[in-house]
N, C-alpha and C. Protein backbone atom coordinates (compact mmCIF):
# COMPACT_ATOMS: atom_id res chain seq x y z
N MET A 1 -28.37 0.82 -89.44
CA MET A 1 -27.16 0.38 -88.08
C MET A 1 -27.06 -0.82 -87.80
N VAL A 2 -25.50 -1.45 -87.44
CA VAL A 2 -25.70 -2.45 -86.66
C VAL A 2 -26.39 -2.38 -85.09
N GLY A 3 -26.78 -3.24 -84.56
CA GLY A 3 -27.35 -3.69 -83.34
C GLY A 3 -26.54 -4.18 -82.30
N GLN A 4 -26.72 -4.10 -81.31
CA GLN A 4 -25.43 -4.27 -80.34
C GLN A 4 -26.03 -4.73 -78.95
N PHE A 5 -25.40 -5.85 -78.15
CA PHE A 5 -25.58 -6.74 -77.09
C PHE A 5 -25.09 -5.36 -75.66
N PHE A 6 -25.71 -5.03 -74.86
CA PHE A 6 -25.75 -4.03 -73.57
C PHE A 6 -26.23 -5.03 -72.41
N ALA A 7 -25.55 -5.48 -71.76
CA ALA A 7 -25.48 -6.51 -70.38
C ALA A 7 -26.57 -7.28 -70.66
N GLY A 8 -26.90 -8.10 -72.01
CA GLY A 8 -27.80 -9.05 -72.17
C GLY A 8 -29.16 -8.69 -72.88
N LYS A 9 -28.96 -7.58 -73.34
CA LYS A 9 -30.22 -6.84 -73.96
C LYS A 9 -29.63 -6.46 -75.36
N PHE A 10 -30.56 -6.43 -76.37
CA PHE A 10 -30.09 -6.15 -77.50
C PHE A 10 -30.70 -4.57 -78.01
N VAL A 11 -29.84 -4.09 -78.19
CA VAL A 11 -30.14 -2.59 -78.42
C VAL A 11 -29.93 -2.52 -79.90
N HIS A 12 -30.95 -1.79 -80.78
CA HIS A 12 -30.55 -1.53 -82.34
C HIS A 12 -30.52 0.15 -82.28
N LEU A 13 -29.50 0.51 -82.72
CA LEU A 13 -29.31 1.59 -82.87
C LEU A 13 -29.83 2.49 -83.96
N VAL A 14 -30.71 3.41 -83.94
CA VAL A 14 -31.21 4.14 -85.22
C VAL A 14 -30.58 5.24 -85.31
N SER A 15 -30.17 5.71 -86.62
CA SER A 15 -29.72 7.10 -87.15
C SER A 15 -30.68 8.23 -87.02
N SER A 16 -30.84 9.50 -86.77
CA SER A 16 -31.53 10.03 -86.84
C SER A 16 -32.05 10.37 -88.23
N ALA A 17 -31.44 10.20 -89.21
CA ALA A 17 -31.71 10.30 -90.98
C ALA A 17 -32.49 9.65 -91.10
N SER A 18 -32.99 8.38 -90.66
CA SER A 18 -33.80 7.11 -90.98
C SER A 18 -35.37 7.54 -90.16
N ILE A 19 -35.10 8.41 -88.83
CA ILE A 19 -36.75 8.93 -88.81
C ILE A 19 -37.41 9.70 -89.51
N THR A 20 -38.85 9.03 -89.67
CA THR A 20 -39.50 9.37 -90.52
C THR A 20 -40.02 11.19 -90.36
N ASP A 21 -40.01 11.80 -91.15
CA ASP A 21 -40.38 13.25 -91.05
C ASP A 21 -41.54 13.46 -91.43
N LEU A 22 -42.76 13.59 -90.80
CA LEU A 22 -44.17 14.06 -90.71
C LEU A 22 -44.60 14.89 -90.79
N SER A 23 -43.52 16.19 -90.78
CA SER A 23 -44.10 17.61 -90.36
C SER A 23 -43.98 18.23 -91.67
N ALA A 24 -44.91 19.17 -92.10
CA ALA A 24 -44.91 20.20 -93.39
C ALA A 24 -43.83 21.33 -92.70
N PRO A 25 -43.17 21.56 -94.02
CA PRO A 25 -42.34 22.94 -93.30
C PRO A 25 -43.11 24.09 -93.04
N SER A 26 -42.69 24.51 -91.93
CA SER A 26 -42.98 26.08 -91.40
C SER A 26 -42.87 26.70 -92.64
N PHE A 27 -44.21 27.48 -92.85
CA PHE A 27 -44.07 28.25 -93.79
C PHE A 27 -45.22 29.40 -93.85
N SER A 28 -44.88 31.22 -94.00
CA SER A 28 -46.49 32.08 -94.04
C SER A 28 -46.54 31.88 -95.63
N GLY A 29 -46.13 31.24 -96.28
CA GLY A 29 -47.12 31.56 -97.90
C GLY A 29 -46.46 33.00 -98.44
N ILE A 30 -47.01 33.07 -99.73
CA ILE A 30 -46.90 34.16 -100.13
C ILE A 30 -46.92 35.78 -99.73
N SER A 31 -46.26 36.84 -99.76
CA SER A 31 -45.93 37.87 -99.35
C SER A 31 -46.71 38.84 -100.07
N SER A 32 -46.30 38.83 -101.38
CA SER A 32 -46.73 40.14 -102.49
C SER A 32 -46.62 39.46 -103.96
N ALA A 33 -47.55 40.07 -104.55
CA ALA A 33 -47.81 39.89 -106.28
C ALA A 33 -47.48 41.26 -106.66
N ALA A 34 -46.83 41.51 -107.12
CA ALA A 34 -46.25 42.61 -108.15
C ALA A 34 -46.09 42.71 -109.37
N ALA A 35 -46.89 43.68 -110.50
CA ALA A 35 -47.01 43.42 -111.74
C ALA A 35 -45.51 44.21 -112.36
N ASN A 36 -45.09 43.79 -113.19
CA ASN A 36 -43.60 44.06 -113.79
C ASN A 36 -43.89 44.90 -115.25
N PRO A 37 -43.25 45.60 -115.71
CA PRO A 37 -43.50 46.72 -117.04
C PRO A 37 -43.47 45.46 -118.07
N ASN A 38 -42.78 44.69 -118.07
CA ASN A 38 -42.58 43.61 -119.36
C ASN A 38 -43.89 42.38 -119.36
N GLY A 39 -44.92 42.69 -118.33
CA GLY A 39 -46.09 42.18 -118.34
C GLY A 39 -46.09 40.81 -117.75
N SER A 40 -44.85 40.21 -116.74
CA SER A 40 -44.64 39.48 -115.92
C SER A 40 -45.48 39.98 -114.56
N ILE A 41 -45.56 39.13 -113.69
CA ILE A 41 -46.12 39.16 -112.01
C ILE A 41 -44.98 38.71 -111.49
N THR A 42 -44.57 38.98 -110.44
CA THR A 42 -43.84 38.56 -109.64
C THR A 42 -44.11 38.23 -108.21
N ALA A 43 -44.12 37.00 -107.79
CA ALA A 43 -44.45 36.52 -106.51
C ALA A 43 -43.55 36.70 -105.59
N SER A 44 -43.79 37.12 -104.09
CA SER A 44 -42.48 36.98 -103.62
C SER A 44 -42.95 36.30 -102.08
N TRP A 45 -41.93 35.77 -101.32
CA TRP A 45 -42.47 34.88 -99.99
C TRP A 45 -41.06 35.10 -99.05
N SER A 46 -41.29 34.73 -97.95
CA SER A 46 -40.05 34.28 -97.06
C SER A 46 -39.80 33.24 -97.03
N ILE A 47 -38.78 32.96 -96.47
CA ILE A 47 -37.91 31.82 -96.22
C ILE A 47 -38.63 30.49 -95.48
N ALA A 48 -38.90 29.32 -95.82
CA ALA A 48 -39.53 28.50 -95.41
C ALA A 48 -38.61 27.50 -94.16
N THR A 49 -38.93 27.18 -92.73
CA THR A 49 -38.14 26.34 -92.03
C THR A 49 -38.66 25.06 -92.13
N ASP A 50 -37.64 23.75 -92.11
CA ASP A 50 -37.86 22.60 -92.17
C ASP A 50 -36.54 21.76 -91.79
N SER A 51 -36.81 20.85 -90.76
CA SER A 51 -35.81 19.88 -90.51
C SER A 51 -35.34 18.65 -91.84
N SER A 52 -36.17 18.60 -92.73
CA SER A 52 -35.80 18.06 -94.29
C SER A 52 -35.66 18.73 -95.59
N SER A 53 -34.33 18.85 -95.45
CA SER A 53 -33.98 20.22 -96.56
C SER A 53 -33.90 19.41 -97.46
N PRO A 54 -33.62 19.96 -98.98
CA PRO A 54 -34.18 21.28 -99.27
C PRO A 54 -35.46 21.64 -99.23
N VAL A 55 -36.07 22.58 -99.20
CA VAL A 55 -37.22 23.08 -99.28
C VAL A 55 -37.35 23.62 -100.44
N ARG A 56 -38.34 23.40 -101.15
CA ARG A 56 -38.70 23.91 -102.30
C ARG A 56 -40.31 24.53 -102.22
N TYR A 57 -40.30 25.48 -103.40
CA TYR A 57 -41.67 26.32 -103.40
C TYR A 57 -42.40 26.17 -104.74
N THR A 58 -43.83 25.77 -104.63
CA THR A 58 -44.57 25.41 -105.63
C THR A 58 -45.63 26.68 -105.95
N VAL A 59 -45.51 27.61 -107.01
CA VAL A 59 -46.21 28.58 -106.93
C VAL A 59 -47.65 28.43 -107.80
N TYR A 60 -48.47 28.97 -107.42
CA TYR A 60 -49.67 28.63 -108.12
C TYR A 60 -50.23 30.10 -108.78
N ILE A 61 -51.11 30.21 -109.59
CA ILE A 61 -51.38 31.19 -110.24
C ILE A 61 -52.82 30.73 -111.20
N ALA A 62 -53.83 31.89 -110.98
CA ALA A 62 -55.33 31.12 -111.51
C ALA A 62 -55.72 33.01 -112.07
N LEU A 63 -56.45 32.77 -113.08
CA LEU A 63 -57.17 33.67 -113.73
C LEU A 63 -58.30 34.57 -113.06
N GLY A 64 -57.91 35.67 -112.86
CA GLY A 64 -59.31 36.45 -112.02
C GLY A 64 -58.94 36.32 -110.20
N SER A 65 -59.76 37.05 -109.56
CA SER A 65 -59.54 36.94 -108.50
C SER A 65 -60.49 35.90 -107.62
N VAL A 66 -59.91 34.61 -107.34
CA VAL A 66 -60.45 33.42 -106.56
C VAL A 66 -59.97 33.41 -105.22
N PRO A 67 -60.79 32.54 -104.74
CA PRO A 67 -60.43 31.96 -103.37
C PRO A 67 -59.21 30.78 -103.07
N ALA A 68 -58.65 30.58 -102.11
CA ALA A 68 -57.64 29.93 -102.07
C ALA A 68 -58.39 28.55 -102.52
N ALA A 69 -59.26 27.94 -102.14
CA ALA A 69 -59.52 26.58 -102.24
C ALA A 69 -59.84 26.11 -103.59
N THR A 70 -59.89 27.61 -104.44
CA THR A 70 -59.94 27.30 -105.95
C THR A 70 -58.67 27.73 -106.58
N LEU A 71 -57.97 28.11 -105.64
CA LEU A 71 -56.48 28.53 -106.50
C LEU A 71 -55.55 27.36 -106.09
N PHE A 72 -55.27 26.89 -105.11
CA PHE A 72 -53.96 25.58 -104.52
C PHE A 72 -55.00 24.21 -105.20
N VAL A 73 -54.94 24.07 -106.24
CA VAL A 73 -55.01 22.78 -106.97
C VAL A 73 -53.80 22.70 -108.31
N PRO A 74 -53.51 21.22 -108.22
CA PRO A 74 -52.60 20.80 -108.98
C PRO A 74 -52.67 21.44 -110.37
N ALA A 75 -53.84 21.92 -111.30
CA ALA A 75 -53.74 22.17 -112.05
C ALA A 75 -53.44 23.86 -112.55
N ASN A 76 -53.34 24.42 -110.89
CA ASN A 76 -52.76 25.84 -111.16
C ASN A 76 -51.31 25.90 -110.94
N SER A 77 -50.67 24.96 -111.06
CA SER A 77 -49.24 24.91 -110.36
C SER A 77 -48.65 25.57 -111.51
N VAL A 78 -47.60 26.46 -111.66
CA VAL A 78 -47.38 26.93 -112.58
C VAL A 78 -45.34 26.70 -112.23
N LEU A 79 -44.87 26.40 -111.34
CA LEU A 79 -43.48 26.16 -111.43
C LEU A 79 -42.86 25.67 -110.05
N ILE A 80 -42.13 25.39 -109.97
CA ILE A 80 -41.03 24.91 -108.80
C ILE A 80 -40.09 25.64 -108.85
N ALA A 81 -39.95 26.49 -107.72
CA ALA A 81 -38.66 27.46 -107.20
C ALA A 81 -37.84 26.58 -106.21
N PRO A 82 -36.39 27.06 -106.22
CA PRO A 82 -35.37 26.07 -105.58
C PRO A 82 -35.61 26.82 -104.48
N SER A 83 -34.74 25.87 -103.58
CA SER A 83 -34.89 26.49 -101.93
C SER A 83 -34.17 27.72 -101.50
N ALA A 84 -33.47 28.43 -102.48
CA ALA A 84 -32.59 29.62 -101.86
C ALA A 84 -33.42 30.96 -102.38
N ALA A 85 -34.66 30.61 -103.10
CA ALA A 85 -35.31 31.62 -104.12
C ALA A 85 -36.27 32.40 -102.88
N THR A 86 -36.48 33.46 -102.85
CA THR A 86 -37.64 34.23 -102.40
C THR A 86 -38.70 35.17 -103.47
N SER A 87 -38.40 34.88 -104.33
CA SER A 87 -39.36 35.61 -105.22
C SER A 87 -38.75 34.58 -106.76
N THR A 88 -39.88 34.96 -107.59
CA THR A 88 -39.94 34.49 -108.76
C THR A 88 -40.61 35.37 -110.04
N LYS A 89 -40.54 35.56 -111.41
CA LYS A 89 -41.64 36.22 -112.18
C LYS A 89 -42.35 35.09 -113.02
N VAL A 90 -43.46 35.26 -112.91
CA VAL A 90 -44.35 34.63 -113.40
C VAL A 90 -44.88 35.06 -115.12
N TYR A 91 -44.88 34.33 -116.22
CA TYR A 91 -45.02 34.79 -117.48
C TYR A 91 -46.51 34.27 -117.73
N THR A 92 -46.67 33.34 -117.53
CA THR A 92 -47.81 32.29 -118.27
C THR A 92 -48.62 31.61 -117.17
N LEU A 93 -49.73 31.12 -117.74
CA LEU A 93 -50.44 30.45 -116.61
C LEU A 93 -49.83 28.90 -116.53
N ALA A 94 -50.59 28.10 -115.89
CA ALA A 94 -50.07 26.93 -115.84
C ALA A 94 -49.81 25.70 -117.08
N ASP A 95 -50.58 25.87 -118.05
CA ASP A 95 -50.37 25.34 -119.32
C ASP A 95 -48.88 25.81 -120.07
N GLN A 96 -48.21 26.69 -119.32
CA GLN A 96 -46.94 27.10 -119.96
C GLN A 96 -46.82 27.64 -121.38
N THR A 97 -48.20 28.18 -121.94
CA THR A 97 -48.12 28.70 -123.25
C THR A 97 -49.26 29.76 -123.07
N THR A 98 -49.67 30.02 -122.19
CA THR A 98 -51.15 31.44 -122.00
C THR A 98 -50.21 32.57 -121.28
N TYR A 99 -49.74 33.43 -122.12
CA TYR A 99 -49.27 34.52 -121.79
C TYR A 99 -49.89 35.29 -120.54
N LEU A 100 -49.55 36.03 -119.82
CA LEU A 100 -50.52 37.09 -118.98
C LEU A 100 -50.93 38.19 -119.74
N GLN A 101 -52.09 38.54 -119.64
CA GLN A 101 -52.92 39.60 -120.52
C GLN A 101 -52.69 40.95 -119.94
N PRO A 102 -52.46 41.92 -120.45
CA PRO A 102 -52.42 43.00 -119.74
C PRO A 102 -53.91 43.18 -119.34
N SER A 103 -53.91 44.08 -118.02
CA SER A 103 -55.21 44.44 -117.60
C SER A 103 -55.89 43.43 -117.01
N GLN A 104 -55.59 42.28 -116.50
CA GLN A 104 -56.29 40.97 -116.64
C GLN A 104 -55.70 40.87 -114.55
N ILE A 105 -56.70 41.00 -113.74
CA ILE A 105 -56.69 40.09 -112.26
C ILE A 105 -55.98 38.99 -112.51
N TYR A 106 -54.69 38.39 -111.55
CA TYR A 106 -54.42 37.18 -111.57
C TYR A 106 -54.33 36.90 -109.94
N THR A 107 -54.43 35.57 -109.48
CA THR A 107 -54.28 35.15 -107.86
C THR A 107 -53.34 34.36 -107.93
N PHE A 108 -52.29 34.61 -106.79
CA PHE A 108 -51.09 34.06 -106.77
C PHE A 108 -50.82 33.35 -105.14
N GLY A 109 -50.27 32.08 -105.12
CA GLY A 109 -50.18 31.57 -103.70
C GLY A 109 -48.94 30.86 -104.03
N VAL A 110 -48.45 30.36 -102.76
CA VAL A 110 -47.14 29.87 -102.69
C VAL A 110 -46.88 28.64 -101.72
N ARG A 111 -46.81 27.55 -101.54
CA ARG A 111 -46.96 26.62 -101.06
C ARG A 111 -45.17 25.71 -100.67
N ALA A 112 -44.77 25.67 -99.40
CA ALA A 112 -43.59 25.06 -99.49
C ALA A 112 -43.33 23.32 -99.51
N ASN A 113 -42.17 23.03 -99.78
CA ASN A 113 -42.22 21.59 -100.04
C ASN A 113 -40.91 21.24 -99.51
N ASP A 114 -40.91 19.81 -98.60
CA ASP A 114 -39.70 19.62 -98.04
C ASP A 114 -39.18 18.23 -98.62
N ALA A 115 -37.59 18.01 -98.36
CA ALA A 115 -37.19 16.69 -99.13
C ALA A 115 -37.78 15.81 -99.40
N VAL A 116 -38.77 15.27 -98.12
CA VAL A 116 -39.42 13.68 -98.00
C VAL A 116 -40.83 14.26 -98.63
N GLY A 117 -41.20 15.14 -99.33
CA GLY A 117 -42.74 15.13 -99.88
C GLY A 117 -43.73 15.94 -98.91
N ASN A 118 -43.02 16.31 -97.66
CA ASN A 118 -44.37 17.13 -96.77
C ASN A 118 -44.67 18.50 -97.45
N THR A 119 -45.99 18.98 -97.61
CA THR A 119 -46.22 20.08 -98.08
C THR A 119 -47.17 20.98 -96.98
N ASP A 120 -46.40 21.90 -97.15
CA ASP A 120 -47.50 22.93 -95.86
C ASP A 120 -48.85 23.40 -96.75
N THR A 121 -49.91 23.88 -95.56
CA THR A 121 -51.34 24.08 -96.21
C THR A 121 -51.79 25.20 -96.36
N ASN A 122 -50.89 26.65 -96.29
CA ASN A 122 -51.11 27.89 -95.87
C ASN A 122 -52.39 27.98 -96.73
N THR A 123 -53.04 29.13 -96.62
CA THR A 123 -54.00 29.25 -97.39
C THR A 123 -53.67 31.02 -97.97
N ALA A 124 -52.51 31.71 -97.70
CA ALA A 124 -52.47 32.81 -98.01
C ALA A 124 -52.43 33.57 -99.70
N ILE A 125 -53.04 34.31 -100.11
CA ILE A 125 -53.10 34.47 -101.39
C ILE A 125 -52.64 36.27 -101.74
N ALA A 126 -52.28 36.31 -102.95
CA ALA A 126 -52.07 37.73 -103.59
C ALA A 126 -52.98 38.11 -104.99
N THR A 127 -52.93 38.96 -104.93
CA THR A 127 -54.02 39.48 -106.41
C THR A 127 -52.73 40.54 -106.71
N ALA A 128 -52.71 40.38 -108.29
CA ALA A 128 -51.86 41.66 -108.99
C ALA A 128 -52.73 41.66 -110.34
N THR A 129 -52.53 42.91 -111.05
CA THR A 129 -53.06 43.08 -112.45
C THR A 129 -51.95 43.34 -113.37
N SER A 130 -51.85 42.50 -114.17
CA SER A 130 -50.57 42.63 -115.02
C SER A 130 -51.14 43.69 -116.35
N SER A 131 -49.83 44.33 -116.47
CA SER A 131 -49.75 45.73 -117.36
C SER A 131 -48.71 45.32 -118.02
N GLY A 132 -48.56 46.27 -119.25
CA GLY A 132 -47.37 46.14 -120.12
C GLY A 132 -47.34 44.84 -121.33
N VAL A 133 -46.19 44.66 -121.72
CA VAL A 133 -46.16 43.96 -122.39
C VAL A 133 -46.19 42.56 -122.04
N LEU A 134 -46.54 41.20 -122.99
CA LEU A 134 -46.44 39.97 -122.44
C LEU A 134 -45.49 39.58 -121.44
N SER A 135 -44.39 39.67 -122.21
CA SER A 135 -42.87 39.15 -122.28
C SER A 135 -41.90 39.52 -122.94
N ASP A 136 -40.47 39.47 -122.25
CA ASP A 136 -39.60 40.19 -122.49
C ASP A 136 -39.28 39.95 -123.97
N SER A 137 -39.28 38.60 -124.59
CA SER A 137 -39.23 38.69 -126.04
C SER A 137 -40.31 39.80 -126.83
N LEU A 138 -41.55 39.19 -126.55
CA LEU A 138 -42.66 40.31 -127.01
C LEU A 138 -42.14 41.96 -126.94
N SER A 139 -41.77 42.17 -125.89
CA SER A 139 -41.49 43.29 -125.32
C SER A 139 -40.54 43.91 -126.49
N SER A 140 -39.28 42.85 -126.85
CA SER A 140 -38.46 43.30 -128.02
C SER A 140 -39.14 43.41 -129.15
N THR A 141 -39.89 42.66 -129.45
CA THR A 141 -40.76 42.79 -131.15
C THR A 141 -41.75 43.82 -131.05
N VAL A 142 -42.32 44.30 -129.63
CA VAL A 142 -43.26 45.51 -129.85
C VAL A 142 -42.35 46.97 -129.74
N SER A 143 -41.04 47.08 -129.38
CA SER A 143 -40.46 47.73 -129.75
C SER A 143 -39.88 48.12 -131.17
N GLN A 144 -39.74 46.74 -132.02
CA GLN A 144 -39.31 46.84 -133.29
C GLN A 144 -40.57 47.24 -133.91
N LEU A 145 -41.71 46.95 -133.93
CA LEU A 145 -42.87 47.44 -134.50
C LEU A 145 -43.05 48.67 -134.34
N VAL A 146 -42.69 49.48 -133.21
CA VAL A 146 -42.84 51.21 -133.13
C VAL A 146 -42.08 51.55 -134.13
N ALA A 147 -40.60 51.25 -133.97
CA ALA A 147 -39.23 51.41 -134.70
C ALA A 147 -40.19 51.55 -136.20
N THR A 148 -40.65 50.69 -136.84
CA THR A 148 -41.01 50.41 -137.87
C THR A 148 -42.25 51.33 -138.42
N GLN A 149 -43.20 51.40 -137.08
CA GLN A 149 -44.07 52.06 -137.80
C GLN A 149 -43.44 53.90 -137.82
N LEU A 150 -42.37 54.52 -137.01
CA LEU A 150 -41.90 55.65 -137.33
C LEU A 150 -41.21 55.56 -138.86
N LEU A 151 -40.42 54.77 -139.03
CA LEU A 151 -39.85 54.71 -140.41
C LEU A 151 -40.96 54.84 -141.23
N LEU A 152 -42.26 53.89 -140.91
CA LEU A 152 -43.08 54.08 -142.28
C LEU A 152 -43.78 55.52 -142.02
N ALA A 153 -43.92 56.45 -140.90
CA ALA A 153 -44.59 57.41 -140.66
C ALA A 153 -43.68 58.37 -141.69
N THR A 154 -41.98 58.09 -141.49
CA THR A 154 -41.41 59.30 -142.16
C THR A 154 -41.40 58.87 -143.41
N ASP A 155 -41.48 57.59 -143.81
CA ASP A 155 -41.75 57.22 -145.48
C ASP A 155 -42.93 58.18 -145.97
N HIS A 156 -43.88 57.78 -145.14
CA HIS A 156 -45.37 58.24 -145.98
C HIS A 156 -45.02 59.90 -146.09
N THR A 157 -44.62 60.34 -144.88
CA THR A 157 -44.13 62.15 -145.37
C THR A 157 -43.20 62.38 -146.22
N ASN A 158 -42.32 61.38 -146.68
CA ASN A 158 -41.87 61.72 -147.71
C ASN A 158 -41.94 61.43 -149.04
N LEU A 159 -43.05 60.26 -149.25
CA LEU A 159 -44.00 60.22 -150.19
C LEU A 159 -44.59 61.17 -150.50
N ALA A 160 -45.43 62.14 -149.29
CA ALA A 160 -46.66 63.00 -149.44
C ALA A 160 -45.34 64.09 -150.11
N ALA A 161 -44.41 64.32 -149.79
CA ALA A 161 -43.45 65.18 -150.37
C ALA A 161 -43.42 65.43 -151.81
N ASP A 162 -43.12 64.01 -152.21
CA ASP A 162 -42.61 63.61 -153.81
C ASP A 162 -43.83 63.71 -154.30
N VAL A 163 -45.37 63.07 -153.54
CA VAL A 163 -46.15 63.36 -154.62
C VAL A 163 -46.53 64.66 -154.90
N THR A 164 -46.16 65.92 -153.81
CA THR A 164 -46.54 67.22 -154.38
C THR A 164 -45.66 67.99 -155.31
N LYS A 165 -44.34 67.21 -154.94
CA LYS A 165 -43.34 67.82 -156.60
C LYS A 165 -44.11 67.27 -157.59
N LEU A 166 -44.57 66.10 -157.60
CA LEU A 166 -45.03 65.54 -158.81
C LEU A 166 -46.28 66.41 -159.36
N ASP A 167 -46.86 66.82 -158.56
CA ASP A 167 -48.21 67.56 -158.76
C ASP A 167 -47.63 68.73 -159.23
N GLY A 168 -46.25 69.48 -159.04
CA GLY A 168 -45.86 70.65 -159.22
C GLY A 168 -45.51 70.28 -160.74
N TYR A 169 -44.73 68.88 -160.97
CA TYR A 169 -44.31 68.86 -162.05
C TYR A 169 -45.27 68.70 -163.60
N VAL A 170 -46.61 68.23 -162.85
CA VAL A 170 -47.80 67.84 -163.91
C VAL A 170 -47.92 69.02 -164.13
N SER A 171 -48.26 69.99 -163.24
CA SER A 171 -48.95 71.08 -163.66
C SER A 171 -48.13 72.40 -164.54
N ALA A 172 -46.82 72.01 -164.54
CA ALA A 172 -45.90 72.97 -165.31
C ALA A 172 -46.30 72.23 -166.79
N LEU A 173 -45.85 70.97 -166.61
CA LEU A 173 -46.06 69.77 -168.03
C LEU A 173 -47.17 70.17 -168.70
N ASN A 174 -48.60 70.54 -167.99
CA ASN A 174 -49.38 71.00 -168.66
C ASN A 174 -49.60 72.47 -169.28
N THR A 175 -48.81 73.05 -168.37
CA THR A 175 -48.72 74.57 -168.99
C THR A 175 -47.92 74.88 -170.16
N SER A 176 -46.94 73.72 -170.09
CA SER A 176 -46.23 73.76 -171.47
C SER A 176 -46.71 72.98 -172.96
N ILE A 177 -47.71 72.10 -172.48
CA ILE A 177 -48.74 71.84 -173.31
C ILE A 177 -49.53 72.60 -174.20
N THR A 178 -50.01 73.18 -173.18
CA THR A 178 -51.19 74.47 -173.35
C THR A 178 -50.37 75.55 -174.43
N ASN A 179 -49.12 75.75 -173.85
CA ASN A 179 -48.40 77.25 -174.56
C ASN A 179 -48.08 76.48 -175.93
N VAL A 180 -47.39 74.98 -175.93
CA VAL A 180 -47.44 74.50 -177.36
C VAL A 180 -48.52 74.47 -178.37
N ASP A 181 -49.76 73.93 -177.78
CA ASP A 181 -50.88 74.04 -178.54
C ASP A 181 -51.53 75.70 -178.77
N SER A 182 -51.02 76.72 -177.95
CA SER A 182 -51.29 77.90 -178.28
C SER A 182 -50.27 78.39 -179.83
N ALA A 183 -49.17 77.86 -179.48
CA ALA A 183 -48.21 77.99 -180.48
C ALA A 183 -48.28 77.35 -181.61
N ALA A 184 -49.04 76.29 -181.66
CA ALA A 184 -49.41 75.52 -182.92
C ALA A 184 -50.60 76.33 -183.78
N THR A 185 -51.44 76.72 -182.85
CA THR A 185 -52.37 77.60 -182.97
C THR A 185 -52.07 78.65 -184.14
N ASN A 186 -51.15 79.17 -183.26
CA ASN A 186 -50.61 80.64 -184.15
C ASN A 186 -50.02 80.50 -185.44
N VAL A 187 -49.37 79.58 -185.76
CA VAL A 187 -48.46 78.71 -186.51
C VAL A 187 -49.99 78.66 -187.66
N ASN A 188 -50.67 77.57 -187.59
CA ASN A 188 -51.81 77.28 -188.33
C ASN A 188 -52.54 78.61 -188.85
N ASN A 189 -52.56 79.61 -187.61
CA ASN A 189 -53.44 80.89 -188.43
C ASN A 189 -52.64 81.55 -189.35
N ALA A 190 -51.29 81.54 -189.17
CA ALA A 190 -50.37 82.29 -190.23
C ALA A 190 -50.36 81.80 -191.08
N ALA A 191 -50.34 80.27 -191.12
CA ALA A 191 -50.09 79.41 -192.37
C ALA A 191 -51.43 79.99 -193.54
N ASN A 192 -52.65 80.03 -192.95
CA ASN A 192 -54.13 80.36 -193.39
C ASN A 192 -53.95 81.40 -194.12
N LEU A 193 -53.64 82.59 -193.34
CA LEU A 193 -53.56 84.12 -193.50
C LEU A 193 -52.61 83.89 -194.96
N THR A 194 -51.22 83.65 -194.73
CA THR A 194 -50.41 83.33 -196.20
C THR A 194 -50.94 82.89 -197.09
N MET A 195 -51.44 81.86 -196.96
CA MET A 195 -52.34 81.23 -198.47
C MET A 195 -53.58 82.29 -198.97
N SER A 196 -54.11 82.66 -197.81
CA SER A 196 -55.37 83.61 -198.76
C SER A 196 -54.48 84.56 -199.07
N VAL A 197 -53.40 85.19 -198.60
CA VAL A 197 -53.01 86.43 -199.68
C VAL A 197 -52.09 85.70 -200.80
N VAL A 198 -51.64 84.53 -200.91
CA VAL A 198 -51.33 84.04 -202.07
C VAL A 198 -52.16 83.73 -202.78
N LEU A 199 -53.08 83.23 -202.69
CA LEU A 199 -54.75 82.92 -203.70
C LEU A 199 -55.21 84.20 -203.91
């Protein structure tokens, strides 16, 4: 902003926007972590306040029940949520490829970052045990597999019924063969008897 002279003094006017913000956002951290049926875990928090907006939230996750000092490291940063968010679903670890495993405990934390790079240092953590299927897409796959299993069970039942019918046909065929053999024996005996009478 342009400087001005007042009564022989030079005054440099400074915009409030140019004042460096050295304060981290006021933020209480994560409030809860809750497991979802699809295998994800929802991390929730309250809105942070700061003079330099927008404020964004970095979500951290670690396998197992771990302390804050272990959790809040860059390697455990899984995603950055927008300023309006107060929760997010987490499906994977920080590598974005390892899905959460059922019956495993995970530790979560959230930190707020303002527009000029200040990050709060809260140590609030929450744990949750993942349950259900690993992801929405995998949930759909599992549903399809269950449906296929039911179809295979039905096919197996039908096949068993067909085998039973086939056994009946084979038994009837064996009886017919026995009857034919018996008739052939009778014919042979009759032929032999006729030949004996003739001779």
